[in-house]
Amino acid sequence: MSVLGRIHSFESCGTVDGPGIRFILFMQGCLMRCKYCHNRDTWDLEGGKEISVEDLMKEVVTLSPFYECYWRWCYGIWWRGCVTSRVCTRLVPSL
């Protein structure tokens, strides 16, 4: 049985938010309701689409040769450390 998540969309070759190319994932169902949110269409808990972790990873891996290896390694270790420590994580590429 695969794990499903609800996403709004993804940008496979984002270059707007800084140097380099990155995979940007917009999750669906944000409850923060920030006053100046640029992605209010992500607030709806039923919006977007469900996607399996496996299918999402296929998208990321397909484009991985275009991303710098250092950042994948660094974020992977950081992310695992957060999960192991039970720290709530959010990736916000615009910050």
Protein backbone atom coordinates (compact mmCIF):
# COMPACT_ATOMS: atom_id res chain seq x y z
CA MET A 1 0.00 0.00 0.00
CA SER A 2 1.50 3.33 -1.01
CA VAL A 3 1.33 6.52 1.02
CA LEU A 4 -0.73 9.28 -0.59
CA GLY A 5 -0.35 13.01 -0.12
CA ARG A 6 -2.40 15.91 -1.41
CA ILE A 7 -0.48 18.36 -3.58
CA HIS A 8 -1.51 21.56 -5.32
CA SER A 9 1.18 21.45 -7.99
CA PHE A 10 4.89 21.28 -8.62
CA GLU A 11 7.36 23.23 -10.66
CA SER A 12 9.98 20.95 -12.12
CA CYS A 13 12.64 23.51 -13.03
CA GLY A 14 12.14 26.52 -10.78
CA THR A 15 14.69 29.31 -11.26
CA VAL A 16 12.86 32.36 -9.88
CA ASP A 17 13.63 32.02 -6.16
CA GLY A 18 17.41 32.18 -6.32
CA PRO A 19 20.40 30.76 -8.17
CA GLY A 20 20.27 27.26 -9.58
CA ILE A 21 17.46 24.98 -10.66
CA ARG A 22 15.14 23.39 -8.13
CA PHE A 23 12.07 21.15 -7.85
CA ILE A 24 9.32 23.12 -6.09
CA LEU A 25 6.41 21.25 -4.53
CA PHE A 26 3.28 23.10 -3.45
CA MET A 27 1.37 21.07 -0.89
CA GLN A 28 -2.41 21.36 -0.61
CA GLY A 29 -4.40 22.05 2.56
CA CYS A 30 -2.44 24.76 4.38
CA LEU A 31 -4.12 25.87 7.60
CA MET A 32 -1.77 28.78 8.37
CA ARG A 33 -3.96 31.42 6.63
CA CYS A 34 -1.15 33.96 6.40
CA LYS A 35 -2.48 37.46 5.73
CA TYR A 36 -0.20 38.07 2.76
CA CYS A 37 -0.23 34.54 1.34
CA HIS A 38 0.60 34.34 -2.37
CA ASN A 39 -0.91 30.85 -2.70
CA ARG A 40 -4.39 31.06 -1.18
CA ASP A 41 -5.56 28.43 -3.64
CA THR A 42 -3.57 25.90 -1.57
CA TRP A 43 -5.78 26.44 1.51
CA ASP A 44 -8.66 24.15 0.46
CA LEU A 45 -8.28 20.80 2.24
CA GLU A 46 -10.10 18.98 -0.57
CA GLY A 47 -8.40 20.80 -3.46
CA GLY A 48 -5.44 19.73 -5.53
CA LYS A 49 -4.84 16.08 -6.26
CA GLU A 50 -3.68 13.00 -4.41
CA ILE A 51 -0.37 11.54 -5.47
CA SER A 52 1.64 8.64 -4.12
CA VAL A 53 5.11 9.20 -2.71
CA GLU A 54 6.43 6.79 -5.36
CA ASP A 55 4.89 8.78 -8.23
CA LEU A 56 6.16 12.06 -6.82
CA MET A 57 9.65 10.62 -6.44
CA LYS A 58 9.57 9.46 -10.08
CA GLU A 59 9.07 13.11 -11.07
CA VAL A 60 11.94 14.27 -8.85
CA VAL A 61 14.35 11.51 -9.88
CA THR A 62 13.69 12.06 -13.58
CA LEU A 63 14.99 15.62 -13.26
CA SER A 64 17.62 15.02 -10.57
CA PRO A 65 20.62 15.28 -12.95
CA PHE A 66 19.79 18.98 -13.32
CA TYR A 67 19.93 19.72 -9.58
CA GLU A 68 23.15 20.23 -7.66
CA CYS A 69 24.12 17.08 -5.75
CA TYR A 70 25.28 18.94 -2.65
CA TRP A 71 21.86 20.36 -1.89
CA ARG A 72 20.05 17.04 -2.30
CA TRP A 73 22.53 15.44 0.11
CA CYS A 74 22.35 18.27 2.65
CA TYR A 75 18.56 18.57 2.69
CA GLY A 76 18.12 14.81 2.82
CA ILE A 77 20.21 14.52 5.96
CA TRP A 78 18.52 17.56 7.51
CA TRP A 79 15.03 16.23 6.69
CA ARG A 80 15.78 12.78 8.15
CA GLY A 81 17.13 14.46 11.28
CA CYS A 82 13.91 16.43 11.68
CA VAL A 83 11.74 13.36 11.19
CA THR A 84 13.83 11.31 13.62
CA SER A 85 13.58 14.09 16.21
CA ARG A 86 9.83 14.42 15.59
CA VAL A 87 10.23 18.04 14.52
CA CYS A 88 7.34 19.39 12.42
CA THR A 89 8.77 20.27 9.01
CA ARG A 90 7.68 22.62 6.28
CA LEU A 91 9.58 23.46 3.13
CA VAL A 92 8.82 26.97 1.93
CA PRO A 93 11.00 27.80 -1.08
CA SER A 94 10.10 31.49 -1.02
CA LEU A 95 11.61 32.16 2.42
